[in-house]
Amino acid sequence: MRGALPVLIIGAIAGAIFASTPQGKKVVDDVKKKAKNTWEQPNVQSTVSDIQGKVRDNVPYVGEDIADAIDRVKPAKG
């Protein structure tokens, strides 16, 4: 993890330089189009909807579990 930040910074700088060239702009536009087309596919949207439904169904239970865990960790007043 220590070396991750410098690598990330170097990658961001290299990406910015690459994206500023005409060829780089074309590649970035192509990637954006492919990502948008993938996101708009019906099977992808169906999967997203399924996951959203599962999250909505489980949020109340997770909240209760968190509240129970907090209550167990709280020091007793006395």
PDB file of N, CA and C in Angstrom:
ATOM      1  N   MET A   1       0.812  -1.199   0.000  1.00  0.00           N
ATOM      2  CA  MET A   1       0.000   0.000   0.000  1.00  0.00           C
ATOM      3  C   MET A   1       0.855   1.263   0.000  1.00  0.00           C
ATOM      4  N   ARG A   2       2.051   1.150   0.489  1.00  0.00           N
ATOM      5  CA  ARG A   2       2.887   2.336   0.594  1.00  0.00           C
ATOM      6  C   ARG A   2       3.176   2.972  -0.752  1.00  0.00           C
ATOM      7  N   GLY A   3       3.457   2.134  -1.745  1.00  0.00           N
ATOM      8  CA  GLY A   3       3.817   2.646  -3.060  1.00  0.00           C
ATOM      9  C   GLY A   3       2.623   2.933  -3.939  1.00  0.00           C
ATOM     10  N   ALA A   4       1.425   2.730  -3.445  1.00  0.00           N
ATOM     11  CA  ALA A   4       0.235   2.894  -4.267  1.00  0.00           C
ATOM     12  C   ALA A   4      -0.013   4.354  -4.640  1.00  0.00           C
ATOM     13  N   LEU A   5       0.207   5.263  -3.729  1.00  0.00           N
ATOM     14  CA  LEU A   5      -0.064   6.673  -4.007  1.00  0.00           C
ATOM     15  C   LEU A   5       0.836   7.232  -5.109  1.00  0.00           C
ATOM     16  N   PRO A   6       2.142   7.019  -5.047  1.00  0.00           N
ATOM     17  CA  PRO A   6       2.985   7.525  -6.149  1.00  0.00           C
ATOM     18  C   PRO A   6       2.613   6.903  -7.490  1.00  0.00           C
ATOM     19  N   VAL A   7       2.278   5.625  -7.493  1.00  0.00           N
ATOM     20  CA  VAL A   7       1.883   4.965  -8.741  1.00  0.00           C
ATOM     21  C   VAL A   7       0.589   5.578  -9.263  1.00  0.00           C
ATOM     22  N   LEU A   8      -0.333   5.848  -8.366  1.00  0.00           N
ATOM     23  CA  LEU A   8      -1.600   6.470  -8.764  1.00  0.00           C
ATOM     24  C   LEU A   8      -1.368   7.863  -9.342  1.00  0.00           C
ATOM     25  N   ILE A   9      -0.512   8.634  -8.711  1.00  0.00           N
ATOM     26  CA  ILE A   9      -0.213   9.990  -9.190  1.00  0.00           C
ATOM     27  C   ILE A   9       0.465   9.942 -10.555  1.00  0.00           C
ATOM     28  N   ILE A  10       1.438   9.050 -10.699  1.00  0.00           N
ATOM     29  CA  ILE A  10       2.129   8.919 -11.984  1.00  0.00           C
ATOM     30  C   ILE A  10       1.141   8.472 -13.068  1.00  0.00           C
ATOM     31  N   GLY A  11       0.266   7.543 -12.734  1.00  0.00           N
ATOM     32  CA  GLY A  11      -0.745   7.092 -13.695  1.00  0.00           C
ATOM     33  C   GLY A  11      -1.693   8.207 -14.100  1.00  0.00           C
ATOM     34  N   ALA A  12      -2.092   9.033 -13.138  1.00  0.00           N
ATOM     35  CA  ALA A  12      -2.990  10.148 -13.445  1.00  0.00           C
ATOM     36  C   ALA A  12      -2.304  11.163 -14.355  1.00  0.00           C
ATOM     37  N   ILE A  13      -1.044  11.445 -14.096  1.00  0.00           N
ATOM     38  CA  ILE A  13      -0.299  12.383 -14.938  1.00  0.00           C
ATOM     39  C   ILE A  13      -0.138  11.815 -16.338  1.00  0.00           C
ATOM     40  N   ALA A  14       0.237  10.539 -16.428  1.00  0.00           N
ATOM     41  CA  ALA A  14       0.397   9.907 -17.741  1.00  0.00           C
ATOM     42  C   ALA A  14      -0.932   9.888 -18.494  1.00  0.00           C
ATOM     43  N   GLY A  15      -2.015   9.609 -17.790  1.00  0.00           N
ATOM     44  CA  GLY A  15      -3.336   9.605 -18.422  1.00  0.00           C
ATOM     45  C   GLY A  15      -3.730  10.979 -18.924  1.00  0.00           C
ATOM     46  N   ALA A  16      -3.421  12.009 -18.144  1.00  0.00           N
ATOM     47  CA  ALA A  16      -3.746  13.372 -18.567  1.00  0.00           C
ATOM     48  C   ALA A  16      -2.953  13.760 -19.809  1.00  0.00           C
ATOM     49  N   ILE A  17      -1.681  13.384 -19.835  1.00  0.00           N
ATOM     50  CA  ILE A  17      -0.857  13.686 -21.010  1.00  0.00           C
ATOM     51  C   ILE A  17      -1.371  12.919 -22.218  1.00  0.00           C
ATOM     52  N   PHE A  18      -1.669  11.629 -22.028  1.00  0.00           N
ATOM     53  CA  PHE A  18      -2.173  10.802 -23.122  1.00  0.00           C
ATOM     54  C   PHE A  18      -3.500  11.342 -23.648  1.00  0.00           C
ATOM     55  N   ALA A  19      -4.396  11.736 -22.740  1.00  0.00           N
ATOM     56  CA  ALA A  19      -5.720  12.212 -23.138  1.00  0.00           C
ATOM     57  C   ALA A  19      -5.661  13.567 -23.825  1.00  0.00           C
ATOM     58  N   SER A  20      -4.534  14.267 -23.721  1.00  0.00           N
ATOM     59  CA  SER A  20      -4.434  15.578 -24.357  1.00  0.00           C
ATOM     60  C   SER A  20      -3.985  15.474 -25.817  1.00  0.00           C
ATOM     61  N   THR A  21      -3.567  14.289 -26.256  1.00  0.00           N
ATOM     62  CA  THR A  21      -3.171  14.106 -27.652  1.00  0.00           C
ATOM     63  C   THR A  21      -4.396  13.743 -28.481  1.00  0.00           C
ATOM     64  N   PRO A  22      -4.372  14.009 -29.773  1.00  0.00           N
ATOM     65  CA  PRO A  22      -5.523  13.650 -30.617  1.00  0.00           C
ATOM     66  C   PRO A  22      -5.831  12.144 -30.585  1.00  0.00           C
ATOM     67  N   GLN A  23      -4.800  11.309 -30.619  1.00  0.00           N
ATOM     68  CA  GLN A  23      -5.032   9.870 -30.563  1.00  0.00           C
ATOM     69  C   GLN A  23      -5.604   9.465 -29.215  1.00  0.00           C
ATOM     70  N   GLY A  24      -5.112  10.094 -28.166  1.00  0.00           N
ATOM     71  CA  GLY A  24      -5.605   9.805 -26.832  1.00  0.00           C
ATOM     72  C   GLY A  24      -7.057  10.199 -26.667  1.00  0.00           C
ATOM     73  N   LYS A  25      -7.428  11.332 -27.230  1.00  0.00           N
ATOM     74  CA  LYS A  25      -8.821  11.776 -27.153  1.00  0.00           C
ATOM     75  C   LYS A  25      -9.736  10.795 -27.862  1.00  0.00           C
ATOM     76  N   LYS A  26      -9.275  10.265 -28.993  1.00  0.00           N
ATOM     77  CA  LYS A  26     -10.081   9.282 -29.730  1.00  0.00           C
ATOM     78  C   LYS A  26     -10.258   8.015 -28.902  1.00  0.00           C
ATOM     79  N   VAL A  27      -9.188   7.564 -28.262  1.00  0.00           N
ATOM     80  CA  VAL A  27      -9.272   6.364 -27.429  1.00  0.00           C
ATOM     81  C   VAL A  27     -10.217   6.601 -26.262  1.00  0.00           C
ATOM     82  N   VAL A  28     -10.101   7.751 -25.614  1.00  0.00           N
ATOM     83  CA  VAL A  28     -10.979   8.066 -24.484  1.00  0.00           C
ATOM     84  C   VAL A  28     -12.437   8.102 -24.936  1.00  0.00           C
ATOM     85  N   ASP A  29     -12.705   8.724 -26.088  1.00  0.00           N
ATOM     86  CA  ASP A  29     -14.078   8.766 -26.611  1.00  0.00           C
ATOM     87  C   ASP A  29     -14.591   7.362 -26.932  1.00  0.00           C
ATOM     88  N   ASP A  30     -13.738   6.523 -27.505  1.00  0.00           N
ATOM     89  CA  ASP A  30     -14.142   5.150 -27.812  1.00  0.00           C
ATOM     90  C   ASP A  30     -14.479   4.377 -26.541  1.00  0.00           C
ATOM     91  N   VAL A  31     -13.670   4.556 -25.510  1.00  0.00           N
ATOM     92  CA  VAL A  31     -13.924   3.868 -24.238  1.00  0.00           C
ATOM     93  C   VAL A  31     -15.227   4.357 -23.626  1.00  0.00           C
ATOM     94  N   LYS A  32     -15.480   5.658 -23.684  1.00  0.00           N
ATOM     95  CA  LYS A  32     -16.730   6.210 -23.147  1.00  0.00           C
ATOM     96  C   LYS A  32     -17.933   5.634 -23.874  1.00  0.00           C
ATOM     97  N   LYS A  33     -17.849   5.552 -25.211  1.00  0.00           N
ATOM     98  CA  LYS A  33     -18.963   4.999 -25.999  1.00  0.00           C
ATOM     99  C   LYS A  33     -19.210   3.540 -25.647  1.00  0.00           C
ATOM    100  N   LYS A  34     -18.132   2.761 -25.526  1.00  0.00           N
ATOM    101  CA  LYS A  34     -18.289   1.345 -25.187  1.00  0.00           C
ATOM    102  C   LYS A  34     -18.872   1.175 -23.789  1.00  0.00           C
ATOM    103  N   ALA A  35     -18.421   1.992 -22.848  1.00  0.00           N
ATOM    104  CA  ALA A  35     -18.950   1.911 -21.481  1.00  0.00           C
ATOM    105  C   ALA A  35     -20.438   2.279 -21.460  1.00  0.00           C
ATOM    106  N   LYS A  36     -20.807   3.306 -22.192  1.00  0.00           N
ATOM    107  CA  LYS A  36     -22.210   3.726 -22.241  1.00  0.00           C
ATOM    108  C   LYS A  36     -23.067   2.633 -22.878  1.00  0.00           C
ATOM    109  N   ASN A  37     -22.580   2.051 -23.970  1.00  0.00           N
ATOM    110  CA  ASN A  37     -23.330   0.980 -24.629  1.00  0.00           C
ATOM    111  C   ASN A  37     -23.488  -0.226 -23.710  1.00  0.00           C
ATOM    112  N   THR A  38     -22.451  -0.558 -22.975  1.00  0.00           N
ATOM    113  CA  THR A  38     -22.524  -1.678 -22.046  1.00  0.00           C
ATOM    114  C   THR A  38     -23.528  -1.387 -20.942  1.00  0.00           C
ATOM    115  N   TRP A  39     -23.481  -0.180 -20.385  1.00  0.00           N
ATOM    116  CA  TRP A  39     -24.381   0.202 -19.291  1.00  0.00           C
ATOM    117  C   TRP A  39     -25.836   0.157 -19.737  1.00  0.00           C
ATOM    118  N   GLU A  40     -26.095   0.497 -20.988  1.00  0.00           N
ATOM    119  CA  GLU A  40     -27.470   0.564 -21.481  1.00  0.00           C
ATOM    120  C   GLU A  40     -28.034  -0.782 -21.922  1.00  0.00           C
ATOM    121  N   GLN A  41     -27.234  -1.842 -21.895  1.00  0.00           N
ATOM    122  CA  GLN A  41     -27.735  -3.156 -22.294  1.00  0.00           C
ATOM    123  C   GLN A  41     -28.793  -3.629 -21.304  1.00  0.00           C
ATOM    124  N   PRO A  42     -29.859  -4.252 -21.822  1.00  0.00           N
ATOM    125  CA  PRO A  42     -30.954  -4.685 -20.947  1.00  0.00           C
ATOM    126  C   PRO A  42     -30.514  -5.657 -19.846  1.00  0.00           C
ATOM    127  N   ASN A  43     -29.605  -6.581 -20.159  1.00  0.00           N
ATOM    128  CA  ASN A  43     -29.202  -7.533 -19.115  1.00  0.00           C
ATOM    129  C   ASN A  43     -28.407  -6.850 -18.006  1.00  0.00           C
ATOM    130  N   VAL A  44     -27.651  -5.817 -18.339  1.00  0.00           N
ATOM    131  CA  VAL A  44     -26.916  -5.063 -17.320  1.00  0.00           C
ATOM    132  C   VAL A  44     -27.899  -4.301 -16.444  1.00  0.00           C
ATOM    133  N   GLN A  45     -28.858  -3.645 -17.057  1.00  0.00           N
ATOM    134  CA  GLN A  45     -29.849  -2.890 -16.292  1.00  0.00           C
ATOM    135  C   GLN A  45     -30.694  -3.809 -15.418  1.00  0.00           C
ATOM    136  N   SER A  46     -30.978  -5.015 -15.919  1.00  0.00           N
ATOM    137  CA  SER A  46     -31.732  -5.982 -15.122  1.00  0.00           C
ATOM    138  C   SER A  46     -30.939  -6.383 -13.884  1.00  0.00           C
ATOM    139  N   THR A  47     -29.659  -6.622 -14.053  1.00  0.00           N
ATOM    140  CA  THR A  47     -28.803  -6.985 -12.929  1.00  0.00           C
ATOM    141  C   THR A  47     -28.724  -5.837 -11.920  1.00  0.00           C
ATOM    142  N   VAL A  48     -28.596  -4.613 -12.415  1.00  0.00           N
ATOM    143  CA  VAL A  48     -28.538  -3.445 -11.534  1.00  0.00           C
ATOM    144  C   VAL A  48     -29.837  -3.332 -10.737  1.00  0.00           C
ATOM    145  N   SER A  49     -30.964  -3.529 -11.402  1.00  0.00           N
ATOM    146  CA  SER A  49     -32.255  -3.452 -10.712  1.00  0.00           C
ATOM    147  C   SER A  49     -32.372  -4.530  -9.642  1.00  0.00           C
ATOM    148  N   ASP A  50     -31.918  -5.752  -9.968  1.00  0.00           N
ATOM    149  CA  ASP A  50     -31.965  -6.841  -8.987  1.00  0.00           C
ATOM    150  C   ASP A  50     -31.134  -6.500  -7.756  1.00  0.00           C
ATOM    151  N   ILE A  51     -29.942  -5.977  -7.985  1.00  0.00           N
ATOM    152  CA  ILE A  51     -29.061  -5.633  -6.865  1.00  0.00           C
ATOM    153  C   ILE A  51     -29.654  -4.500  -6.039  1.00  0.00           C
ATOM    154  N   GLN A  52     -30.232  -3.503  -6.710  1.00  0.00           N
ATOM    155  CA  GLN A  52     -30.854  -2.400  -5.976  1.00  0.00           C
ATOM    156  C   GLN A  52     -31.991  -2.910  -5.098  1.00  0.00           C
ATOM    157  N   GLY A  53     -32.782  -3.834  -5.620  1.00  0.00           N
ATOM    158  CA  GLY A  53     -33.873  -4.407  -4.842  1.00  0.00           C
ATOM    159  C   GLY A  53     -33.370  -5.154  -3.625  1.00  0.00           C
ATOM    160  N   LYS A  54     -32.297  -5.944  -3.811  1.00  0.00           N
ATOM    161  CA  LYS A  54     -31.734  -6.687  -2.685  1.00  0.00           C
ATOM    162  C   LYS A  54     -31.185  -5.750  -1.617  1.00  0.00           C
ATOM    163  N   VAL A  55     -30.555  -4.667  -2.054  1.00  0.00           N
ATOM    164  CA  VAL A  55     -30.021  -3.696  -1.098  1.00  0.00           C
ATOM    165  C   VAL A  55     -31.157  -3.049  -0.322  1.00  0.00           C
ATOM    166  N   ARG A  56     -32.206  -2.635  -1.030  1.00  0.00           N
ATOM    167  CA  ARG A  56     -33.352  -2.008  -0.350  1.00  0.00           C
ATOM    168  C   ARG A  56     -33.992  -2.960   0.661  1.00  0.00           C
ATOM    169  N   ASP A  57     -34.060  -4.251   0.286  1.00  0.00           N
ATOM    170  CA  ASP A  57     -34.665  -5.233   1.186  1.00  0.00           C
ATOM    171  C   ASP A  57     -33.824  -5.466   2.432  1.00  0.00           C
ATOM    172  N   ASN A  58     -32.506  -5.373   2.301  1.00  0.00           N
ATOM    173  CA  ASN A  58     -31.623  -5.729   3.411  1.00  0.00           C
ATOM    174  C   ASN A  58     -31.166  -4.551   4.250  1.00  0.00           C
ATOM    175  N   VAL A  59     -31.375  -3.338   3.815  1.00  0.00           N
ATOM    176  CA  VAL A  59     -30.912  -2.166   4.562  1.00  0.00           C
ATOM    177  C   VAL A  59     -31.511  -2.114   5.969  1.00  0.00           C
ATOM    178  N   PRO A  60     -32.799  -2.369   6.145  1.00  0.00           N
ATOM    179  CA  PRO A  60     -33.323  -2.303   7.524  1.00  0.00           C
ATOM    180  C   PRO A  60     -32.637  -3.299   8.456  1.00  0.00           C
ATOM    181  N   TYR A  61     -32.338  -4.504   7.957  1.00  0.00           N
ATOM    182  CA  TYR A  61     -31.695  -5.515   8.787  1.00  0.00           C
ATOM    183  C   TYR A  61     -30.264  -5.122   9.134  1.00  0.00           C
ATOM    184  N   VAL A  62     -29.567  -4.558   8.166  1.00  0.00           N
ATOM    185  CA  VAL A  62     -28.193  -4.125   8.421  1.00  0.00           C
ATOM    186  C   VAL A  62     -28.186  -3.011   9.460  1.00  0.00           C
ATOM    187  N   GLY A  63     -29.126  -2.081   9.337  1.00  0.00           N
ATOM    188  CA  GLY A  63     -29.227  -0.997  10.316  1.00  0.00           C
ATOM    189  C   GLY A  63     -29.472  -1.527  11.718  1.00  0.00           C
ATOM    190  N   GLU A  64     -30.349  -2.529  11.819  1.00  0.00           N
ATOM    191  CA  GLU A  64     -30.609  -3.127  13.134  1.00  0.00           C
ATOM    192  C   GLU A  64     -29.354  -3.813  13.672  1.00  0.00           C
ATOM    193  N   ASP A  65     -28.639  -4.520  12.797  1.00  0.00           N
ATOM    194  CA  ASP A  65     -27.408  -5.195  13.229  1.00  0.00           C
ATOM    195  C   ASP A  65     -26.382  -4.186  13.723  1.00  0.00           C
ATOM    196  N   ILE A  66     -26.257  -3.069  13.027  1.00  0.00           N
ATOM    197  CA  ILE A  66     -25.303  -2.038  13.442  1.00  0.00           C
ATOM    198  C   ILE A  66     -25.709  -1.454  14.790  1.00  0.00           C
ATOM    199  N   ALA A  67     -26.996  -1.163  14.959  1.00  0.00           N
ATOM    200  CA  ALA A  67     -27.474  -0.616  16.228  1.00  0.00           C
ATOM    201  C   ALA A  67     -27.226  -1.606  17.365  1.00  0.00           C
ATOM    202  N   ASP A  68     -27.463  -2.894  17.113  1.00  0.00           N
ATOM    203  CA  ASP A  68     -27.209  -3.913  18.142  1.00  0.00           C
ATOM    204  C   ASP A  68     -25.724  -3.971  18.497  1.00  0.00           C
ATOM    205  N   ALA A  69     -24.869  -3.889  17.492  1.00  0.00           N
ATOM    206  CA  ALA A  69     -23.422  -3.936  17.740  1.00  0.00           C
ATOM    207  C   ALA A  69     -22.978  -2.729  18.552  1.00  0.00           C
ATOM    208  N   ILE A  70     -23.526  -1.549  18.253  1.00  0.00           N
ATOM    209  CA  ILE A  70     -23.190  -0.343  19.010  1.00  0.00           C
ATOM    210  C   ILE A  70     -23.622  -0.492  20.454  1.00  0.00           C
ATOM    211  N   ASP A  71     -24.826  -1.044  20.668  1.00  0.00           N
ATOM    212  CA  ASP A  71     -25.309  -1.226  22.024  1.00  0.00           C
ATOM    213  C   ASP A  71     -24.414  -2.189  22.814  1.00  0.00           C
ATOM    214  N   ARG A  72     -23.882  -3.203  22.146  1.00  0.00           N
ATOM    215  CA  ARG A  72     -23.014  -4.173  22.836  1.00  0.00           C
ATOM    216  C   ARG A  72     -21.679  -3.548  23.211  1.00  0.00           C
ATOM    217  N   VAL A  73     -21.227  -2.569  22.440  1.00  0.00           N
ATOM    218  CA  VAL A  73     -19.906  -1.975  22.674  1.00  0.00           C
ATOM    219  C   VAL A  73     -19.968  -0.812  23.643  1.00  0.00           C
ATOM    220  N   LYS A  74     -21.115  -0.181  23.785  1.00  0.00           N
ATOM    221  CA  LYS A  74     -21.240   0.976  24.683  1.00  0.00           C
ATOM    222  C   LYS A  74     -20.892   0.577  26.117  1.00  0.00           C
ATOM    223  N   PRO A  75     -20.126   1.431  26.769  1.00  0.00           N
ATOM    224  CA  PRO A  75     -19.840   1.129  28.182  1.00  0.00           C
ATOM    225  C   PRO A  75     -21.091   1.330  29.032  1.00  0.00           C
ATOM    226  N   ALA A  76     -21.193   0.530  30.065  1.00  0.00           N
ATOM    227  CA  ALA A  76     -22.353   0.639  30.960  1.00  0.00           C
ATOM    228  C   ALA A  76     -22.227   1.914  31.775  1.00  0.00           C
ATOM    229  N   LYS A  77     -23.356   2.610  31.926  1.00  0.00           N
ATOM    230  CA  LYS A  77     -23.359   3.812  32.755  1.00  0.00           C
ATOM    231  C   LYS A  77     -23.458   3.403  34.215  1.00  0.00           C
ATOM    232  N   GLY A  78     -22.784   4.104  35.030  1.00  0.00           N
ATOM    233  CA  GLY A  78     -22.914   3.708  36.411  1.00  0.00           C
ATOM    234  C   GLY A  78     -22.231   4.536  37.393  1.00  0.00           C
TER     235      GLY A  78
END
